[in-house]
PDB file of all heavy atoms in Angstrom:
ATOM      1  N   ILE A   1     201.825 -17.084  57.045  1.00  0.00           N
ATOM      2  CA  ILE A   1     202.164 -17.407  58.437  1.00  0.00           C
ATOM      3  C   ILE A   1     203.188 -16.405  58.963  1.00  0.00           C
ATOM      4  O   ILE A   1     203.076 -15.905  60.090  1.00  0.00           O
ATOM      5  CB  ILE A   1     202.719 -18.840  58.551  1.00  0.00           C
ATOM      6  CG1 ILE A   1     201.593 -19.877  58.378  1.00  0.00           C
ATOM      7  CG2 ILE A   1     203.439 -19.031  59.882  1.00  0.00           C
ATOM      8  CD1 ILE A   1     200.667 -20.014  59.567  1.00  0.00           C
ATOM      9  N   SER A   2     204.197 -16.092  58.149  1.00  0.00           N
ATOM     10  CA  SER A   2     205.229 -15.142  58.557  1.00  0.00           C
ATOM     11  C   SER A   2     204.627 -13.764  58.841  1.00  0.00           C
ATOM     12  O   SER A   2     204.936 -13.125  59.851  1.00  0.00           O
ATOM     13  CB  SER A   2     206.295 -15.034  57.465  1.00  0.00           C
ATOM     14  OG  SER A   2     207.269 -14.068  57.807  1.00  0.00           O
ATOM     15  N   ARG A   3     203.761 -13.298  57.952  1.00  0.00           N
ATOM     16  CA  ARG A   3     203.121 -11.995  58.148  1.00  0.00           C
ATOM     17  C   ARG A   3     202.232 -11.992  59.380  1.00  0.00           C
ATOM     18  O   ARG A   3     202.185 -11.013  60.134  1.00  0.00           O
ATOM     19  CB  ARG A   3     202.309 -11.620  56.911  1.00  0.00           C
ATOM     20  CG  ARG A   3     203.143 -11.342  55.683  1.00  0.00           C
ATOM     21  CD  ARG A   3     202.252 -11.051  54.496  1.00  0.00           C
ATOM     22  NE  ARG A   3     203.032 -10.782  53.290  1.00  0.00           N
ATOM     23  CZ  ARG A   3     202.503 -10.635  52.091  1.00  0.00           C
ATOM     24  NH1 ARG A   3     201.194 -10.740  51.922  1.00  0.00           N
ATOM     25  NH2 ARG A   3     203.266 -10.387  51.042  1.00  0.00           N
ATOM     26  N   LEU A   4     201.520 -13.088  59.578  1.00  0.00           N
ATOM     27  CA  LEU A   4     200.626 -13.192  60.718  1.00  0.00           C
ATOM     28  C   LEU A   4     201.410 -13.175  62.021  1.00  0.00           C
ATOM     29  O   LEU A   4     201.023 -12.497  62.985  1.00  0.00           O
ATOM     30  CB  LEU A   4     199.811 -14.482  60.605  1.00  0.00           C
ATOM     31  CG  LEU A   4     198.596 -14.625  61.531  1.00  0.00           C
ATOM     32  CD1 LEU A   4     197.622 -13.481  61.325  1.00  0.00           C
ATOM     33  CD2 LEU A   4     197.918 -15.961  61.265  1.00  0.00           C
ATOM     34  N   ARG A   5     202.513 -13.895  62.055  1.00  0.00           N
ATOM     35  CA  ARG A   5     203.366 -13.893  63.244  1.00  0.00           C
ATOM     36  C   ARG A   5     203.835 -12.478  63.567  1.00  0.00           C
ATOM     37  O   ARG A   5     203.813 -12.051  64.726  1.00  0.00           O
ATOM     38  CB  ARG A   5     204.588 -14.784  63.009  1.00  0.00           C
ATOM     39  CG  ARG A   5     204.380 -16.245  63.309  1.00  0.00           C
ATOM     40  CD  ARG A   5     205.730 -16.912  63.514  1.00  0.00           C
ATOM     41  NE  ARG A   5     205.583 -18.305  63.850  1.00  0.00           N
ATOM     42  CZ  ARG A   5     205.889 -19.313  63.046  1.00  0.00           C
ATOM     43  NH1 ARG A   5     206.336 -19.068  61.821  1.00  0.00           N
ATOM     44  NH2 ARG A   5     205.738 -20.563  63.437  1.00  0.00           N
ATOM     45  N   THR A   6     204.272 -11.757  62.544  1.00  0.00           N
ATOM     46  CA  THR A   6     204.774 -10.405  62.762  1.00  0.00           C
ATOM     47  C   THR A   6     203.703  -9.529  63.406  1.00  0.00           C
ATOM     48  O   THR A   6     203.984  -8.770  64.352  1.00  0.00           O
ATOM     49  CB  THR A   6     205.222  -9.775  61.424  1.00  0.00           C
ATOM     50  OG1 THR A   6     206.287 -10.556  60.877  1.00  0.00           O
ATOM     51  CG2 THR A   6     205.697  -8.348  61.634  1.00  0.00           C
ATOM     52  N   LYS A   7     202.486  -9.627  62.934  1.00  0.00           N
ATOM     53  CA  LYS A   7     201.419  -8.770  63.447  1.00  0.00           C
ATOM     54  C   LYS A   7     200.905  -9.214  64.811  1.00  0.00           C
ATOM     55  O   LYS A   7     200.614  -8.381  65.678  1.00  0.00           O
ATOM     56  CB  LYS A   7     200.252  -8.734  62.441  1.00  0.00           C
ATOM     57  CG  LYS A   7     200.605  -8.057  61.131  1.00  0.00           C
ATOM     58  CD  LYS A   7     199.407  -7.959  60.207  1.00  0.00           C
ATOM     59  CE  LYS A   7     199.758  -7.218  58.925  1.00  0.00           C
ATOM     60  NZ  LYS A   7     198.603  -7.042  58.019  1.00  0.00           N
ATOM     61  N   VAL A   8     200.796 -10.532  65.015  1.00  0.00           N
ATOM     62  CA  VAL A   8     200.218 -11.040  66.252  1.00  0.00           C
ATOM     63  C   VAL A   8     201.224 -11.038  67.399  1.00  0.00           C
ATOM     64  O   VAL A   8     200.853 -10.828  68.561  1.00  0.00           O
ATOM     65  CB  VAL A   8     199.662 -12.465  66.027  1.00  0.00           C
ATOM     66  CG1 VAL A   8     199.285 -13.134  67.336  1.00  0.00           C
ATOM     67  CG2 VAL A   8     198.448 -12.411  65.104  1.00  0.00           C
ATOM     68  N   GLU A   9     202.497 -11.249  67.094  1.00  0.00           N
ATOM     69  CA  GLU A   9     203.498 -11.414  68.144  1.00  0.00           C
ATOM     70  C   GLU A   9     204.424 -10.221  68.301  1.00  0.00           C
ATOM     71  O   GLU A   9     205.300 -10.230  69.159  1.00  0.00           O
ATOM     72  CB  GLU A   9     204.307 -12.690  67.873  1.00  0.00           C
ATOM     73  CG  GLU A   9     203.423 -13.940  67.852  1.00  0.00           C
ATOM     74  CD  GLU A   9     204.179 -15.207  67.526  1.00  0.00           C
ATOM     75  OE1 GLU A   9     205.360 -15.098  67.116  1.00  0.00           O
ATOM     76  OE2 GLU A   9     203.597 -16.299  67.666  1.00  0.00           O
ATOM     77  N   ARG A  10     204.222  -9.192  67.484  1.00  0.00           N
ATOM     78  CA  ARG A  10     205.059  -8.004  67.572  1.00  0.00           C
ATOM     79  C   ARG A  10     204.888  -7.343  68.943  1.00  0.00           C
ATOM     80  O   ARG A  10     203.779  -7.117  69.407  1.00  0.00           O
ATOM     81  CB  ARG A  10     204.668  -7.028  66.467  1.00  0.00           C
ATOM     82  CG  ARG A  10     205.503  -5.751  66.429  1.00  0.00           C
ATOM     83  CD  ARG A  10     205.155  -4.964  65.183  1.00  0.00           C
ATOM     84  NE  ARG A  10     203.705  -4.865  65.002  1.00  0.00           N
ATOM     85  CZ  ARG A  10     203.115  -4.643  63.835  1.00  0.00           C
ATOM     86  NH1 ARG A  10     203.826  -4.521  62.737  1.00  0.00           N
ATOM     87  NH2 ARG A  10     201.802  -4.550  63.765  1.00  0.00           N
ATOM     88  N   GLU A  11     206.011  -7.058  69.591  1.00  0.00           N
ATOM     89  CA  GLU A  11     206.047  -6.375  70.884  1.00  0.00           C
ATOM     90  C   GLU A  11     205.356  -7.160  71.999  1.00  0.00           C
ATOM     91  O   GLU A  11     204.961  -6.603  73.017  1.00  0.00           O
ATOM     92  CB  GLU A  11     205.417  -4.971  70.778  1.00  0.00           C
ATOM     93  CG  GLU A  11     206.105  -4.071  69.768  1.00  0.00           C
ATOM     94  CD  GLU A  11     205.415  -2.722  69.643  1.00  0.00           C
ATOM     95  OE1 GLU A  11     204.422  -2.509  70.366  1.00  0.00           O
ATOM     96  OE2 GLU A  11     205.891  -1.904  68.845  1.00  0.00           O
ATOM     97  N   CYS A  12     205.191  -8.470  71.787  1.00  0.00           N
ATOM     98  CA  CYS A  12     204.587  -9.308  72.817  1.00  0.00           C
ATOM     99  C   CYS A  12     205.607 -10.341  73.291  1.00  0.00           C
ATOM    100  O   CYS A  12     206.362 -10.896  72.488  1.00  0.00           O
ATOM    101  CB  CYS A  12     203.346 -10.027  72.281  1.00  0.00           C
ATOM    102  SG  CYS A  12     202.005  -8.898  71.846  1.00  0.00           S
ATOM    103  N   GLY A  13     205.598 -10.607  74.586  1.00  0.00           N
ATOM    104  CA  GLY A  13     206.563 -11.548  75.128  1.00  0.00           C
ATOM    105  C   GLY A  13     206.246 -12.986  74.767  1.00  0.00           C
ATOM    106  O   GLY A  13     207.142 -13.796  74.546  1.00  0.00           O
ATOM    107  N   GLN A  14     204.959 -13.313  74.681  1.00  0.00           N
ATOM    108  CA  GLN A  14     204.566 -14.688  74.412  1.00  0.00           C
ATOM    109  C   GLN A  14     204.372 -14.940  72.925  1.00  0.00           C
ATOM    110  O   GLN A  14     203.692 -14.188  72.240  1.00  0.00           O
ATOM    111  CB  GLN A  14     203.253 -15.002  75.131  1.00  0.00           C
ATOM    112  CG  GLN A  14     203.380 -15.138  76.636  1.00  0.00           C
ATOM    113  CD  GLN A  14     202.067 -15.555  77.255  1.00  0.00           C
ATOM    114  OE1 GLN A  14     201.014 -15.117  76.812  1.00  0.00           O
ATOM    115  NE2 GLN A  14     202.123 -16.399  78.276  1.00  0.00           N
ATOM    116  N   LYS A  15     204.969 -16.020  72.453  1.00  0.00           N
ATOM    117  CA  LYS A  15     204.767 -16.444  71.074  1.00  0.00           C
ATOM    118  C   LYS A  15     203.675 -17.503  71.058  1.00  0.00           C
ATOM    119  O   LYS A  15     203.703 -18.447  71.841  1.00  0.00           O
ATOM    120  CB  LYS A  15     206.063 -16.985  70.477  1.00  0.00           C
ATOM    121  CG  LYS A  15     207.171 -15.944  70.393  1.00  0.00           C
ATOM    122  CD  LYS A  15     208.383 -16.491  69.658  1.00  0.00           C
ATOM    123  CE  LYS A  15     209.505 -15.458  69.593  1.00  0.00           C
ATOM    124  NZ  LYS A  15     209.083 -14.240  68.891  1.00  0.00           N
ATOM    125  N   LEU A  16     202.709 -17.309  70.169  1.00  0.00           N
ATOM    126  CA  LEU A  16     201.555 -18.197  70.135  1.00  0.00           C
ATOM    127  C   LEU A  16     201.568 -19.160  68.960  1.00  0.00           C
ATOM    128  O   LEU A  16     201.055 -20.272  69.058  1.00  0.00           O
ATOM    129  CB  LEU A  16     200.264 -17.371  70.101  1.00  0.00           C
ATOM    130  CG  LEU A  16     200.037 -16.393  71.253  1.00  0.00           C
ATOM    131  CD1 LEU A  16     198.717 -15.651  71.050  1.00  0.00           C
ATOM    132  CD2 LEU A  16     200.044 -17.114  72.581  1.00  0.00           C
ATOM    133  N   ILE A  17     202.092 -18.736  67.809  1.00  0.00           N
ATOM    134  CA  ILE A  17     202.061 -19.552  66.587  1.00  0.00           C
ATOM    135  C   ILE A  17     203.366 -20.340  66.492  1.00  0.00           C
ATOM    136  O   ILE A  17     204.451 -19.771  66.457  1.00  0.00           O
ATOM    137  CB  ILE A  17     201.868 -18.674  65.337  1.00  0.00           C
ATOM    138  CG1 ILE A  17     200.563 -17.877  65.455  1.00  0.00           C
ATOM    139  CG2 ILE A  17     201.848 -19.538  64.077  1.00  0.00           C
ATOM    140  CD1 ILE A  17     200.347 -16.868  64.353  1.00  0.00           C
ATOM    141  N   VAL A  18     203.229 -21.648  66.457  1.00  0.00           N
ATOM    142  CA  VAL A  18     204.390 -22.543  66.511  1.00  0.00           C
ATOM    143  C   VAL A  18     204.502 -23.326  65.210  1.00  0.00           C
ATOM    144  O   VAL A  18     203.496 -23.792  64.671  1.00  0.00           O
ATOM    145  CB  VAL A  18     204.256 -23.526  67.692  1.00  0.00           C
ATOM    146  CG1 VAL A  18     205.444 -24.491  67.736  1.00  0.00           C
ATOM    147  CG2 VAL A  18     204.118 -22.765  68.999  1.00  0.00           C
ATOM    148  N   THR A  19     205.735 -23.446  64.703  1.00  0.00           N
ATOM    149  CA  THR A  19     206.010 -24.307  63.549  1.00  0.00           C
ATOM    150  C   THR A  19     206.413 -25.690  64.038  1.00  0.00           C
ATOM    151  O   THR A  19     207.324 -25.821  64.865  1.00  0.00           O
ATOM    152  CB  THR A  19     207.143 -23.733  62.686  1.00  0.00           C
ATOM    153  OG1 THR A  19     206.764 -22.446  62.197  1.00  0.00           O
ATOM    154  CG2 THR A  19     207.451 -24.643  61.502  1.00  0.00           C
ATOM    155  N   VAL A  20     205.730 -26.708  63.579  1.00  0.00           N
ATOM    156  CA  VAL A  20     206.106 -28.091  63.870  1.00  0.00           C
ATOM    157  C   VAL A  20     206.800 -28.615  62.624  1.00  0.00           C
ATOM    158  O   VAL A  20     206.152 -28.921  61.616  1.00  0.00           O
ATOM    159  CB  VAL A  20     204.874 -28.950  64.218  1.00  0.00           C
ATOM    160  CG1 VAL A  20     205.301 -30.370  64.546  1.00  0.00           C
ATOM    161  CG2 VAL A  20     204.116 -28.328  65.381  1.00  0.00           C
ATOM    162  N   ARG A  21     208.100 -28.667  62.660  1.00  0.00           N
ATOM    163  CA  ARG A  21     208.892 -28.950  61.459  1.00  0.00           C
ATOM    164  C   ARG A  21     208.490 -30.273  60.810  1.00  0.00           C
ATOM    165  O   ARG A  21     208.368 -31.289  61.476  1.00  0.00           O
ATOM    166  CB  ARG A  21     210.384 -28.965  61.791  1.00  0.00           C
ATOM    167  CG  ARG A  21     210.912 -27.604  62.204  1.00  0.00           C
ATOM    168  CD  ARG A  21     212.430 -27.585  62.272  1.00  0.00           C
ATOM    169  NE  ARG A  21     212.926 -26.276  62.664  1.00  0.00           N
ATOM    170  CZ  ARG A  21     213.056 -25.244  61.847  1.00  0.00           C
ATOM    171  NH1 ARG A  21     212.735 -25.397  60.574  1.00  0.00           N
ATOM    172  NH2 ARG A  21     213.528 -24.090  62.282  1.00  0.00           N
ATOM    173  N   GLY A  22     208.278 -30.183  59.495  1.00  0.00           N
ATOM    174  CA  GLY A  22     207.919 -31.362  58.734  1.00  0.00           C
ATOM    175  C   GLY A  22     206.470 -31.769  58.860  1.00  0.00           C
ATOM    176  O   GLY A  22     206.031 -32.724  58.212  1.00  0.00           O
ATOM    177  N   VAL A  23     205.699 -31.030  59.673  1.00  0.00           N
ATOM    178  CA  VAL A  23     204.295 -31.390  59.874  1.00  0.00           C
ATOM    179  C   VAL A  23     203.366 -30.227  59.529  1.00  0.00           C
ATOM    180  O   VAL A  23     202.528 -30.317  58.651  1.00  0.00           O
ATOM    181  CB  VAL A  23     204.039 -31.845  61.330  1.00  0.00           C
ATOM    182  CG1 VAL A  23     202.576 -32.275  61.495  1.00  0.00           C
ATOM    183  CG2 VAL A  23     204.967 -32.979  61.703  1.00  0.00           C
ATOM    184  N   GLY A  24     203.527 -29.099  60.232  1.00  0.00           N
ATOM    185  CA  GLY A  24     202.649 -27.968  59.967  1.00  0.00           C
ATOM    186  C   GLY A  24     202.766 -26.898  61.031  1.00  0.00           C
ATOM    187  O   GLY A  24     203.863 -26.611  61.512  1.00  0.00           O
ATOM    188  N   TYR A  25     201.632 -26.345  61.461  1.00  0.00           N
ATOM    189  CA  TYR A  25     201.617 -25.223  62.402  1.00  0.00           C
ATOM    190  C   TYR A  25     200.517 -25.445  63.432  1.00  0.00           C
ATOM    191  O   TYR A  25     199.552 -26.169  63.195  1.00  0.00           O
ATOM    192  CB  TYR A  25     201.344 -23.907  61.666  1.00  0.00           C
ATOM    193  CG  TYR A  25     202.296 -23.636  60.527  1.00  0.00           C
ATOM    194  CD1 TYR A  25     201.981 -24.070  59.231  1.00  0.00           C
ATOM    195  CD2 TYR A  25     203.502 -22.974  60.726  1.00  0.00           C
ATOM    196  CE1 TYR A  25     202.854 -23.833  58.187  1.00  0.00           C
ATOM    197  CE2 TYR A  25     204.366 -22.736  59.680  1.00  0.00           C
ATOM    198  CZ  TYR A  25     204.039 -23.165  58.406  1.00  0.00           C
ATOM    199  OH  TYR A  25     204.911 -22.926  57.365  1.00  0.00           O
TER     200      TYR A  25
END
């Protein structure tokens, strides 16, 4: 998930992948 976030959200203003604490993504 961390690697995917880096590649998908790098240099982009909008964050798409969200962590829902204690539940999932």
